[in-house]
């Protein structure tokens, strides 16, 4: 949350400065902000949305937490998912959950 706000704030300031320098305060010029923020945060926001949907599936969320409590390596993997986007992308793969159900992860 805070890091996203800071990153988007930097992009907002940069785009606003560019718009003022060009004397172009149009909505079209402001769209550069959206493009820059999405380029920088889009993948992370997309994955975060999927994580929120996972949390809405109580049985699946409980399964993941239960398995992580019993498996330190899995707990470490999940902890690393908060900072590693490539690792976090595994949460989008059904096979990740299949391995959890089978107990092979």
PDB file of N, CA and C in Angstrom:
ATOM      1  N   UNK A   1       0.795  -1.196   0.000  1.00  0.00           N
ATOM      2  CA  UNK A   1       0.000   0.000   0.000  1.00  0.00           C
ATOM      3  C   UNK A   1       0.841   1.265   0.000  1.00  0.00           C
ATOM      4  N   UNK A   2       1.684   1.419   0.992  1.00  0.00           N
ATOM      5  CA  UNK A   2       2.474   2.643   1.109  1.00  0.00           C
ATOM      6  C   UNK A   2       3.472   2.740  -0.036  1.00  0.00           C
ATOM      7  N   UNK A   3       4.120   1.644  -0.367  1.00  0.00           N
ATOM      8  CA  UNK A   3       5.100   1.703  -1.462  1.00  0.00           C
ATOM      9  C   UNK A   3       4.414   2.014  -2.786  1.00  0.00           C
ATOM     10  N   UNK A   4       3.232   1.450  -3.002  1.00  0.00           N
ATOM     11  CA  UNK A   4       2.491   1.758  -4.230  1.00  0.00           C
ATOM     12  C   UNK A   4       2.119   3.233  -4.275  1.00  0.00           C
ATOM     13  N   UNK A   5       1.697   3.778  -3.137  1.00  0.00           N
ATOM     14  CA  UNK A   5       1.336   5.199  -3.084  1.00  0.00           C
ATOM     15  C   UNK A   5       2.549   6.076  -3.376  1.00  0.00           C
ATOM     16  N   UNK A   6       3.696   5.698  -2.843  1.00  0.00           N
ATOM     17  CA  UNK A   6       4.903   6.493  -3.079  1.00  0.00           C
ATOM     18  C   UNK A   6       5.320   6.427  -4.549  1.00  0.00           C
ATOM     19  N   UNK A   7       5.275   5.241  -5.111  1.00  0.00           N
ATOM     20  CA  UNK A   7       5.650   5.080  -6.523  1.00  0.00           C
ATOM     21  C   UNK A   7       4.696   5.855  -7.417  1.00  0.00           C
ATOM     22  N   UNK A   8       3.392   5.731  -7.164  1.00  0.00           N
ATOM     23  CA  UNK A   8       2.432   6.447  -8.006  1.00  0.00           C
ATOM     24  C   UNK A   8       2.552   7.948  -7.803  1.00  0.00           C
ATOM     25  N   UNK A   9       2.900   8.387  -6.590  1.00  0.00           N
ATOM     26  CA  UNK A   9       3.112   9.812  -6.334  1.00  0.00           C
ATOM     27  C   UNK A   9       4.292  10.370  -7.115  1.00  0.00           C
ATOM     28  N   UNK A  10       5.362   9.605  -7.192  1.00  0.00           N
ATOM     29  CA  UNK A  10       6.528  10.032  -7.975  1.00  0.00           C
ATOM     30  C   UNK A  10       6.143  10.170  -9.445  1.00  0.00           C
ATOM     31  N   UNK A  11       5.408   9.188  -9.954  1.00  0.00           N
ATOM     32  CA  UNK A  11       4.982   9.265 -11.355  1.00  0.00           C
ATOM     33  C   UNK A  11       4.025  10.434 -11.577  1.00  0.00           C
ATOM     34  N   UNK A  12       3.141  10.685 -10.626  1.00  0.00           N
ATOM     35  CA  UNK A  12       2.215  11.818 -10.754  1.00  0.00           C
ATOM     36  C   UNK A  12       2.982  13.132 -10.812  1.00  0.00           C
ATOM     37  N   UNK A  13       3.976  13.272  -9.948  1.00  0.00           N
ATOM     38  CA  UNK A  13       4.773  14.501  -9.939  1.00  0.00           C
ATOM     39  C   UNK A  13       5.551  14.656 -11.244  1.00  0.00           C
ATOM     40  N   UNK A  14       6.140  13.574 -11.722  1.00  0.00           N
ATOM     41  CA  UNK A  14       6.902  13.635 -12.978  1.00  0.00           C
ATOM     42  C   UNK A  14       6.013  14.001 -14.164  1.00  0.00           C
ATOM     43  N   UNK A  15       4.845  13.371 -14.247  1.00  0.00           N
ATOM     44  CA  UNK A  15       3.934  13.656 -15.358  1.00  0.00           C
ATOM     45  C   UNK A  15       3.414  15.083 -15.254  1.00  0.00           C
ATOM     46  N   UNK A  16       3.082  15.529 -14.042  1.00  0.00           N
ATOM     47  CA  UNK A  16       2.602  16.905 -13.864  1.00  0.00           C
ATOM     48  C   UNK A  16       3.678  17.905 -14.273  1.00  0.00           C
ATOM     49  N   UNK A  17       4.921  17.638 -13.897  1.00  0.00           N
ATOM     50  CA  UNK A  17       6.018  18.536 -14.277  1.00  0.00           C
ATOM     51  C   UNK A  17       6.185  18.571 -15.793  1.00  0.00           C
ATOM     52  N   UNK A  18       6.105  17.407 -16.436  1.00  0.00           N
ATOM     53  CA  UNK A  18       6.198  17.351 -17.903  1.00  0.00           C
ATOM     54  C   UNK A  18       5.055  18.124 -18.556  1.00  0.00           C
ATOM     55  N   UNK A  19       3.852  17.956 -18.017  1.00  0.00           N
ATOM     56  CA  UNK A  19       2.688  18.645 -18.576  1.00  0.00           C
ATOM     57  C   UNK A  19       2.833  20.162 -18.448  1.00  0.00           C
ATOM     58  N   UNK A  20       3.314  20.612 -17.291  1.00  0.00           N
ATOM     59  CA  UNK A  20       3.509  22.051 -17.084  1.00  0.00           C
ATOM     60  C   UNK A  20       4.607  22.586 -17.992  1.00  0.00           C
ATOM     61  N   UNK A  21       5.677  21.819 -18.147  1.00  0.00           N
ATOM     62  CA  UNK A  21       6.782  22.260 -19.004  1.00  0.00           C
ATOM     63  C   UNK A  21       6.338  22.399 -20.457  1.00  0.00           C
ATOM     64  N   UNK A  22       5.420  21.529 -20.874  1.00  0.00           N
ATOM     65  CA  UNK A  22       4.916  21.588 -22.250  1.00  0.00           C
ATOM     66  C   UNK A  22       3.667  22.469 -22.369  1.00  0.00           C
ATOM     67  N   UNK A  23       3.200  22.980 -21.239  1.00  0.00           N
ATOM     68  CA  UNK A  23       1.972  23.781 -21.190  1.00  0.00           C
ATOM     69  C   UNK A  23       0.802  23.006 -21.809  1.00  0.00           C
ATOM     70  N   UNK A  24       0.742  21.724 -21.477  1.00  0.00           N
ATOM     71  CA  UNK A  24      -0.316  20.847 -21.983  1.00  0.00           C
ATOM     72  C   UNK A  24      -0.998  20.188 -20.784  1.00  0.00           C
ATOM     73  N   UNK A  25      -2.130  20.741 -20.382  1.00  0.00           N
ATOM     74  CA  UNK A  25      -2.846  20.226 -19.225  1.00  0.00           C
ATOM     75  C   UNK A  25      -4.070  19.403 -19.639  1.00  0.00           C
ATOM     76  N   UNK A  26      -4.004  18.813 -20.804  1.00  0.00           N
ATOM     77  CA  UNK A  26      -5.132  18.045 -21.326  1.00  0.00           C
ATOM     78  C   UNK A  26      -5.233  16.672 -20.651  1.00  0.00           C
ATOM     79  N   UNK A  27      -6.433  16.112 -20.742  1.00  0.00           N
ATOM     80  CA  UNK A  27      -6.654  14.764 -20.218  1.00  0.00           C
ATOM     81  C   UNK A  27      -5.779  13.754 -20.953  1.00  0.00           C
ATOM     82  N   UNK A  28      -5.570  13.992 -22.232  1.00  0.00           N
ATOM     83  CA  UNK A  28      -4.736  13.080 -23.026  1.00  0.00           C
ATOM     84  C   UNK A  28      -3.300  13.070 -22.488  1.00  0.00           C
ATOM     85  N   UNK A  29      -2.777  14.235 -22.163  1.00  0.00           N
ATOM     86  CA  UNK A  29      -1.419  14.310 -21.616  1.00  0.00           C
ATOM     87  C   UNK A  29      -1.347  13.622 -20.252  1.00  0.00           C
ATOM     88  N   UNK A  30      -2.421  13.719 -19.480  1.00  0.00           N
ATOM     89  CA  UNK A  30      -2.443  13.106 -18.147  1.00  0.00           C
ATOM     90  C   UNK A  30      -2.478  11.583 -18.221  1.00  0.00           C
ATOM     91  N   UNK A  31      -2.872  11.031 -19.351  1.00  0.00           N
ATOM     92  CA  UNK A  31      -2.913   9.570 -19.501  1.00  0.00           C
ATOM     93  C   UNK A  31      -1.525   8.952 -19.401  1.00  0.00           C
ATOM     94  N   UNK A  32      -0.500   9.764 -19.573  1.00  0.00           N
ATOM     95  CA  UNK A  32       0.866   9.253 -19.415  1.00  0.00           C
ATOM     96  C   UNK A  32       1.073   8.711 -18.003  1.00  0.00           C
ATOM     97  N   UNK A  33       0.388   9.322 -17.042  1.00  0.00           N
ATOM     98  CA  UNK A  33       0.472   8.850 -15.654  1.00  0.00           C
ATOM     99  C   UNK A  33      -0.025   7.405 -15.563  1.00  0.00           C
ATOM    100  N   UNK A  34      -1.206   7.144 -16.120  1.00  0.00           N
ATOM    101  CA  UNK A  34      -1.759   5.787 -16.080  1.00  0.00           C
ATOM    102  C   UNK A  34      -0.801   4.783 -16.707  1.00  0.00           C
ATOM    103  N   UNK A  35      -0.261   5.144 -17.851  1.00  0.00           N
ATOM    104  CA  UNK A  35       0.644   4.232 -18.559  1.00  0.00           C
ATOM    105  C   UNK A  35       1.899   3.953 -17.731  1.00  0.00           C
ATOM    106  N   UNK A  36       2.450   4.984 -17.118  1.00  0.00           N
ATOM    107  CA  UNK A  36       3.679   4.804 -16.336  1.00  0.00           C
ATOM    108  C   UNK A  36       3.432   3.963 -15.088  1.00  0.00           C
ATOM    109  N   UNK A  37       2.321   4.241 -14.406  1.00  0.00           N
ATOM    110  CA  UNK A  37       2.023   3.480 -13.189  1.00  0.00           C
ATOM    111  C   UNK A  37       1.737   2.020 -13.541  1.00  0.00           C
ATOM    112  N   UNK A  38       0.971   1.790 -14.601  1.00  0.00           N
ATOM    113  CA  UNK A  38       0.665   0.411 -14.979  1.00  0.00           C
ATOM    114  C   UNK A  38       1.928  -0.334 -15.399  1.00  0.00           C
ATOM    115  N   UNK A  39       2.815   0.348 -16.117  1.00  0.00           N
ATOM    116  CA  UNK A  39       4.064  -0.294 -16.544  1.00  0.00           C
ATOM    117  C   UNK A  39       4.890  -0.695 -15.327  1.00  0.00           C
ATOM    118  N   UNK A  40       4.910   0.150 -14.314  1.00  0.00           N
ATOM    119  CA  UNK A  40       5.727  -0.109 -13.129  1.00  0.00           C
ATOM    120  C   UNK A  40       5.061  -1.084 -12.148  1.00  0.00           C
ATOM    121  N   UNK A  41       3.745  -0.962 -11.965  1.00  0.00           N
ATOM    122  CA  UNK A  41       3.068  -1.729 -10.924  1.00  0.00           C
ATOM    123  C   UNK A  41       2.052  -2.748 -11.439  1.00  0.00           C
ATOM    124  N   UNK A  42       1.801  -2.757 -12.725  1.00  0.00           N
ATOM    125  CA  UNK A  42       0.725  -3.582 -13.264  1.00  0.00           C
ATOM    126  C   UNK A  42       0.801  -5.047 -12.911  1.00  0.00           C
ATOM    127  N   UNK A  43       1.960  -5.659 -13.106  1.00  0.00           N
ATOM    128  CA  UNK A  43       2.094  -7.088 -12.810  1.00  0.00           C
ATOM    129  C   UNK A  43       1.846  -7.352 -11.329  1.00  0.00           C
ATOM    130  N   UNK A  44       2.425  -6.513 -10.494  1.00  0.00           N
ATOM    131  CA  UNK A  44       2.264  -6.693  -9.055  1.00  0.00           C
ATOM    132  C   UNK A  44       0.807  -6.515  -8.635  1.00  0.00           C
ATOM    133  N   UNK A  45       0.136  -5.511  -9.186  1.00  0.00           N
ATOM    134  CA  UNK A  45      -1.268  -5.278  -8.845  1.00  0.00           C
ATOM    135  C   UNK A  45      -2.150  -6.420  -9.336  1.00  0.00           C
ATOM    136  N   UNK A  46      -1.834  -6.942 -10.490  1.00  0.00           N
ATOM    137  CA  UNK A  46      -2.604  -8.063 -11.037  1.00  0.00           C
ATOM    138  C   UNK A  46      -2.484  -9.293 -10.143  1.00  0.00           C
ATOM    139  N   UNK A  47      -1.275  -9.579  -9.719  1.00  0.00           N
ATOM    140  CA  UNK A  47      -1.055 -10.731  -8.844  1.00  0.00           C
ATOM    141  C   UNK A  47      -1.710 -10.497  -7.488  1.00  0.00           C
ATOM    142  N   UNK A  48      -1.634  -9.275  -6.979  1.00  0.00           N
ATOM    143  CA  UNK A  48      -2.263  -8.959  -5.699  1.00  0.00           C
ATOM    144  C   UNK A  48      -3.771  -9.162  -5.759  1.00  0.00           C
ATOM    145  N   UNK A  49      -4.362  -8.822  -6.890  1.00  0.00           N
ATOM    146  CA  UNK A  49      -5.800  -9.038  -7.063  1.00  0.00           C
ATOM    147  C   UNK A  49      -6.124 -10.523  -6.985  1.00  0.00           C
ATOM    148  N   UNK A  50      -5.296 -11.329  -7.596  1.00  0.00           N
ATOM    149  CA  UNK A  50      -5.514 -12.781  -7.533  1.00  0.00           C
ATOM    150  C   UNK A  50      -5.358 -13.299  -6.108  1.00  0.00           C
ATOM    151  N   UNK A  51      -4.409 -12.746  -5.366  1.00  0.00           N
ATOM    152  CA  UNK A  51      -4.238 -13.153  -3.971  1.00  0.00           C
ATOM    153  C   UNK A  51      -5.471 -12.805  -3.148  1.00  0.00           C
ATOM    154  N   UNK A  52      -6.056 -11.648  -3.415  1.00  0.00           N
ATOM    155  CA  UNK A  52      -7.275 -11.265  -2.702  1.00  0.00           C
ATOM    156  C   UNK A  52      -8.406 -12.233  -3.024  1.00  0.00           C
ATOM    157  N   UNK A  53      -8.500 -12.640  -4.275  1.00  0.00           N
ATOM    158  CA  UNK A  53      -9.528 -13.620  -4.657  1.00  0.00           C
ATOM    159  C   UNK A  53      -9.276 -14.961  -3.971  1.00  0.00           C
ATOM    160  N   UNK A  54      -8.007 -15.329  -3.827  1.00  0.00           N
ATOM    161  CA  UNK A  54      -7.666 -16.559  -3.114  1.00  0.00           C
ATOM    162  C   UNK A  54      -8.168 -16.480  -1.677  1.00  0.00           C
ATOM    163  N   UNK A  55      -7.935 -15.357  -1.033  1.00  0.00           N
ATOM    164  CA  UNK A  55      -8.356 -15.192   0.356  1.00  0.00           C
ATOM    165  C   UNK A  55      -9.877 -15.271   0.489  1.00  0.00           C
ATOM    166  N   UNK A  56     -10.602 -14.952  -0.578  1.00  0.00           N
ATOM    167  CA  UNK A  56     -12.061 -15.062  -0.559  1.00  0.00           C
ATOM    168  C   UNK A  56     -12.526 -16.518  -0.571  1.00  0.00           C
ATOM    169  N   UNK A  57     -11.665 -17.422  -1.010  1.00  0.00           N
ATOM    170  CA  UNK A  57     -11.974 -18.855  -1.014  1.00  0.00           C
ATOM    171  C   UNK A  57     -11.442 -19.433   0.292  1.00  0.00           C
ATOM    172  N   UNK A  58     -12.252 -19.359   1.329  1.00  0.00           N
ATOM    173  CA  UNK A  58     -11.802 -19.710   2.681  1.00  0.00           C
ATOM    174  C   UNK A  58     -11.188 -21.103   2.749  1.00  0.00           C
ATOM    175  N   UNK A  59     -11.802 -22.084   2.104  1.00  0.00           N
ATOM    176  CA  UNK A  59     -11.291 -23.450   2.193  1.00  0.00           C
ATOM    177  C   UNK A  59      -9.899 -23.564   1.585  1.00  0.00           C
ATOM    178  N   UNK A  60      -9.665 -22.862   0.477  1.00  0.00           N
ATOM    179  CA  UNK A  60      -8.368 -22.923  -0.183  1.00  0.00           C
ATOM    180  C   UNK A  60      -7.324 -22.157   0.624  1.00  0.00           C
ATOM    181  N   UNK A  61      -7.709 -21.006   1.125  1.00  0.00           N
ATOM    182  CA  UNK A  61      -6.807 -20.210   1.951  1.00  0.00           C
ATOM    183  C   UNK A  61      -6.420 -21.000   3.207  1.00  0.00           C
ATOM    184  N   UNK A  62      -7.414 -21.630   3.844  1.00  0.00           N
ATOM    185  CA  UNK A  62      -7.137 -22.440   5.034  1.00  0.00           C
ATOM    186  C   UNK A  62      -6.201 -23.599   4.712  1.00  0.00           C
ATOM    187  N   UNK A  63      -6.389 -24.208   3.547  1.00  0.00           N
ATOM    188  CA  UNK A  63      -5.520 -25.308   3.129  1.00  0.00           C
ATOM    189  C   UNK A  63      -4.075 -24.837   2.999  1.00  0.00           C
ATOM    190  N   UNK A  64      -3.884 -23.712   2.336  1.00  0.00           N
ATOM    191  CA  UNK A  64      -2.531 -23.177   2.138  1.00  0.00           C
ATOM    192  C   UNK A  64      -1.887 -22.859   3.484  1.00  0.00           C
ATOM    193  N   UNK A  65      -2.620 -22.200   4.367  1.00  0.00           N
ATOM    194  CA  UNK A  65      -2.075 -21.833   5.676  1.00  0.00           C
ATOM    195  C   UNK A  65      -1.768 -23.079   6.498  1.00  0.00           C
ATOM    196  N   UNK A  66      -2.660 -24.069   6.467  1.00  0.00           N
ATOM    197  CA  UNK A  66      -2.443 -25.308   7.212  1.00  0.00           C
ATOM    198  C   UNK A  66      -1.189 -26.028   6.728  1.00  0.00           C
ATOM    199  N   UNK A  67      -1.037 -26.124   5.415  1.00  0.00           N
ATOM    200  CA  UNK A  67       0.153 -26.791   4.863  1.00  0.00           C
ATOM    201  C   UNK A  67       1.427 -26.012   5.206  1.00  0.00           C
ATOM    202  N   UNK A  68       1.345 -24.694   5.146  1.00  0.00           N
ATOM    203  CA  UNK A  68       2.523 -23.870   5.458  1.00  0.00           C
ATOM    204  C   UNK A  68       2.916 -24.018   6.924  1.00  0.00           C
ATOM    205  N   UNK A  69       1.932 -24.167   7.800  1.00  0.00           N
ATOM    206  CA  UNK A  69       2.223 -24.333   9.224  1.00  0.00           C
ATOM    207  C   UNK A  69       2.968 -25.637   9.492  1.00  0.00           C
ATOM    208  N   UNK A  70       2.745 -26.627   8.651  1.00  0.00           N
ATOM    209  CA  UNK A  70       3.374 -27.941   8.833  1.00  0.00           C
ATOM    210  C   UNK A  70       4.651 -28.122   8.021  1.00  0.00           C
ATOM    211  N   UNK A  71       4.933 -27.175   7.128  1.00  0.00           N
ATOM    212  CA  UNK A  71       6.060 -27.328   6.213  1.00  0.00           C
ATOM    213  C   UNK A  71       6.864 -26.025   6.170  1.00  0.00           C
ATOM    214  N   UNK A  72       7.983 -25.958   6.914  1.00  0.00           N
ATOM    215  CA  UNK A  72       8.770 -24.718   6.953  1.00  0.00           C
ATOM    216  C   UNK A  72       9.246 -24.240   5.580  1.00  0.00           C
ATOM    217  N   UNK A  73       9.560 -25.167   4.678  1.00  0.00           N
ATOM    218  CA  UNK A  73      10.007 -24.760   3.339  1.00  0.00           C
ATOM    219  C   UNK A  73       8.872 -24.070   2.588  1.00  0.00           C
ATOM    220  N   UNK A  74       7.668 -24.595   2.708  1.00  0.00           N
ATOM    221  CA  UNK A  74       6.514 -23.965   2.072  1.00  0.00           C
ATOM    222  C   UNK A  74       6.234 -22.610   2.709  1.00  0.00           C
ATOM    223  N   UNK A  75       6.331 -22.539   4.030  1.00  0.00           N
ATOM    224  CA  UNK A  75       6.113 -21.260   4.715  1.00  0.00           C
ATOM    225  C   UNK A  75       7.110 -20.215   4.224  1.00  0.00           C
ATOM    226  N   UNK A  76       8.357 -20.626   4.045  1.00  0.00           N
ATOM    227  CA  UNK A  76       9.380 -19.710   3.537  1.00  0.00           C
ATOM    228  C   UNK A  76       9.071 -19.289   2.103  1.00  0.00           C
ATOM    229  N   UNK A  77       8.623 -20.228   1.286  1.00  0.00           N
ATOM    230  CA  UNK A  77       8.256 -19.911  -0.100  1.00  0.00           C
ATOM    231  C   UNK A  77       7.145 -18.876  -0.134  1.00  0.00           C
ATOM    232  N   UNK A  78       6.134 -19.080   0.679  1.00  0.00           N
ATOM    233  CA  UNK A  78       5.011 -18.135   0.719  1.00  0.00           C
ATOM    234  C   UNK A  78       5.478 -16.773   1.216  1.00  0.00           C
ATOM    235  N   UNK A  79       6.341 -16.752   2.223  1.00  0.00           N
ATOM    236  CA  UNK A  79       6.864 -15.475   2.724  1.00  0.00           C
ATOM    237  C   UNK A  79       7.629 -14.736   1.631  1.00  0.00           C
ATOM    238  N   UNK A  80       8.399 -15.464   0.837  1.00  0.00           N
ATOM    239  CA  UNK A  80       9.164 -14.841  -0.250  1.00  0.00           C
ATOM    240  C   UNK A  80       8.262 -14.310  -1.358  1.00  0.00           C
ATOM    241  N   UNK A  81       7.059 -14.845  -1.459  1.00  0.00           N
ATOM    242  CA  UNK A  81       6.132 -14.389  -2.497  1.00  0.00           C
ATOM    243  C   UNK A  81       5.724 -12.931  -2.314  1.00  0.00           C
ATOM    244  N   UNK A  82       5.894 -12.405  -1.117  1.00  0.00           N
ATOM    245  CA  UNK A  82       5.540 -11.009  -0.886  1.00  0.00           C
ATOM    246  C   UNK A  82       6.526 -10.056  -1.548  1.00  0.00           C
ATOM    247  N   UNK A  83       7.732 -10.524  -1.815  1.00  0.00           N
ATOM    248  CA  UNK A  83       8.731  -9.646  -2.428  1.00  0.00           C
ATOM    249  C   UNK A  83       9.205 -10.115  -3.803  1.00  0.00           C
ATOM    250  N   UNK A  84       8.959 -11.352  -4.151  1.00  0.00           N
ATOM    251  CA  UNK A  84       9.439 -11.912  -5.416  1.00  0.00           C
ATOM    252  C   UNK A  84       8.261 -12.132  -6.361  1.00  0.00           C
ATOM    253  N   UNK A  85       8.139 -11.263  -7.373  1.00  0.00           N
ATOM    254  CA  UNK A  85       6.996 -11.346  -8.290  1.00  0.00           C
ATOM    255  C   UNK A  85       6.970 -12.640  -9.080  1.00  0.00           C
ATOM    256  N   UNK A  86       8.128 -13.147  -9.471  1.00  0.00           N
ATOM    257  CA  UNK A  86       8.162 -14.392 -10.233  1.00  0.00           C
ATOM    258  C   UNK A  86       7.653 -15.555  -9.385  1.00  0.00           C
ATOM    259  N   UNK A  87       8.063 -15.567  -8.142  1.00  0.00           N
ATOM    260  CA  UNK A  87       7.599 -16.612  -7.233  1.00  0.00           C
ATOM    261  C   UNK A  87       6.103 -16.438  -6.953  1.00  0.00           C
ATOM    262  N   UNK A  88       5.675 -15.194  -6.790  1.00  0.00           N
ATOM    263  CA  UNK A  88       4.264 -14.912  -6.529  1.00  0.00           C
ATOM    264  C   UNK A  88       3.384 -15.341  -7.706  1.00  0.00           C
ATOM    265  N   UNK A  89       3.929 -15.304  -8.893  1.00  0.00           N
ATOM    266  CA  UNK A  89       3.164 -15.698 -10.079  1.00  0.00           C
ATOM    267  C   UNK A  89       2.746 -17.167 -10.015  1.00  0.00           C
ATOM    268  N   UNK A  90       3.444 -17.970  -9.209  1.00  0.00           N
ATOM    269  CA  UNK A  90       3.057 -19.376  -9.050  1.00  0.00           C
ATOM    270  C   UNK A  90       1.642 -19.504  -8.506  1.00  0.00           C
ATOM    271  N   UNK A  91       1.201 -18.501  -7.753  1.00  0.00           N
ATOM    272  CA  UNK A  91      -0.137 -18.554  -7.176  1.00  0.00           C
ATOM    273  C   UNK A  91      -1.222 -18.539  -8.239  1.00  0.00           C
ATOM    274  N   UNK A  92      -0.863 -18.133  -9.452  1.00  0.00           N
ATOM    275  CA  UNK A  92      -1.829 -18.118 -10.550  1.00  0.00           C
ATOM    276  C   UNK A  92      -1.963 -19.486 -11.199  1.00  0.00           C
ATOM    277  N   UNK A  93      -1.085 -20.390 -10.849  1.00  0.00           N
ATOM    278  CA  UNK A  93      -1.060 -21.699 -11.499  1.00  0.00           C
ATOM    279  C   UNK A  93      -1.825 -22.736 -10.665  1.00  0.00           C
ATOM    280  N   UNK A  94      -2.831 -23.366 -11.244  1.00  0.00           N
ATOM    281  CA  UNK A  94      -3.581 -24.389 -10.505  1.00  0.00           C
ATOM    282  C   UNK A  94      -2.688 -25.516  -9.985  1.00  0.00           C
ATOM    283  N   UNK A  95      -1.604 -25.804 -10.705  1.00  0.00           N
ATOM    284  CA  UNK A  95      -0.703 -26.863 -10.275  1.00  0.00           C
ATOM    285  C   UNK A  95      -0.090 -26.615  -8.909  1.00  0.00           C
ATOM    286  N   UNK A  96       0.099 -25.361  -8.558  1.00  0.00           N
ATOM    287  CA  UNK A  96       0.639 -25.016  -7.240  1.00  0.00           C
ATOM    288  C   UNK A  96      -0.288 -25.560  -6.151  1.00  0.00           C
ATOM    289  N   UNK A  97      -1.587 -25.365  -6.329  1.00  0.00           N
ATOM    290  CA  UNK A  97      -2.560 -25.811  -5.337  1.00  0.00           C
ATOM    291  C   UNK A  97      -2.747 -27.323  -5.370  1.00  0.00           C
ATOM    292  N   UNK A  98      -2.635 -27.901  -6.562  1.00  0.00           N
ATOM    293  CA  UNK A  98      -2.728 -29.351  -6.677  1.00  0.00           C
ATOM    294  C   UNK A  98      -1.610 -30.009  -5.877  1.00  0.00           C
ATOM    295  N   UNK A  99      -0.413 -29.445  -5.966  1.00  0.00           N
ATOM    296  CA  UNK A  99       0.709 -29.980  -5.192  1.00  0.00           C
ATOM    297  C   UNK A  99       0.460 -29.838  -3.697  1.00  0.00           C
ATOM    298  N   UNK A 100      -0.174 -28.733  -3.301  1.00  0.00           N
ATOM    299  CA  UNK A 100      -0.496 -28.559  -1.885  1.00  0.00           C
ATOM    300  C   UNK A 100      -1.488 -29.623  -1.416  1.00  0.00           C
ATOM    301  N   UNK A 101      -2.508 -29.856  -2.224  1.00  0.00           N
ATOM    302  CA  UNK A 101      -3.530 -30.841  -1.868  1.00  0.00           C
ATOM    303  C   UNK A 101      -2.909 -32.230  -1.752  1.00  0.00           C
ATOM    304  N   UNK A 102      -2.027 -32.560  -2.684  1.00  0.00           N
ATOM    305  CA  UNK A 102      -1.371 -33.870  -2.677  1.00  0.00           C
ATOM    306  C   UNK A 102      -0.275 -33.954  -1.625  1.00  0.00           C
ATOM    307  N   UNK A 103       0.132 -32.813  -1.090  1.00  0.00           N
ATOM    308  CA  UNK A 103       1.185 -32.810  -0.083  1.00  0.00           C
ATOM    309  C   UNK A 103       2.574 -32.935  -0.651  1.00  0.00           C
ATOM    310  N   UNK A 104       2.738 -32.608  -1.938  1.00  0.00           N
ATOM    311  CA  UNK A 104       4.054 -32.729  -2.567  1.00  0.00           C
ATOM    312  C   UNK A 104       4.773 -31.403  -2.632  1.00  0.00           C
ATOM    313  N   UNK A 105       4.249 -30.383  -2.038  1.00  0.00           N
ATOM    314  CA  UNK A 105       4.898 -29.073  -2.058  1.00  0.00           C
ATOM    315  C   UNK A 105       5.357 -28.733  -0.674  1.00  0.00           C
TER     316      UNK A 105
END
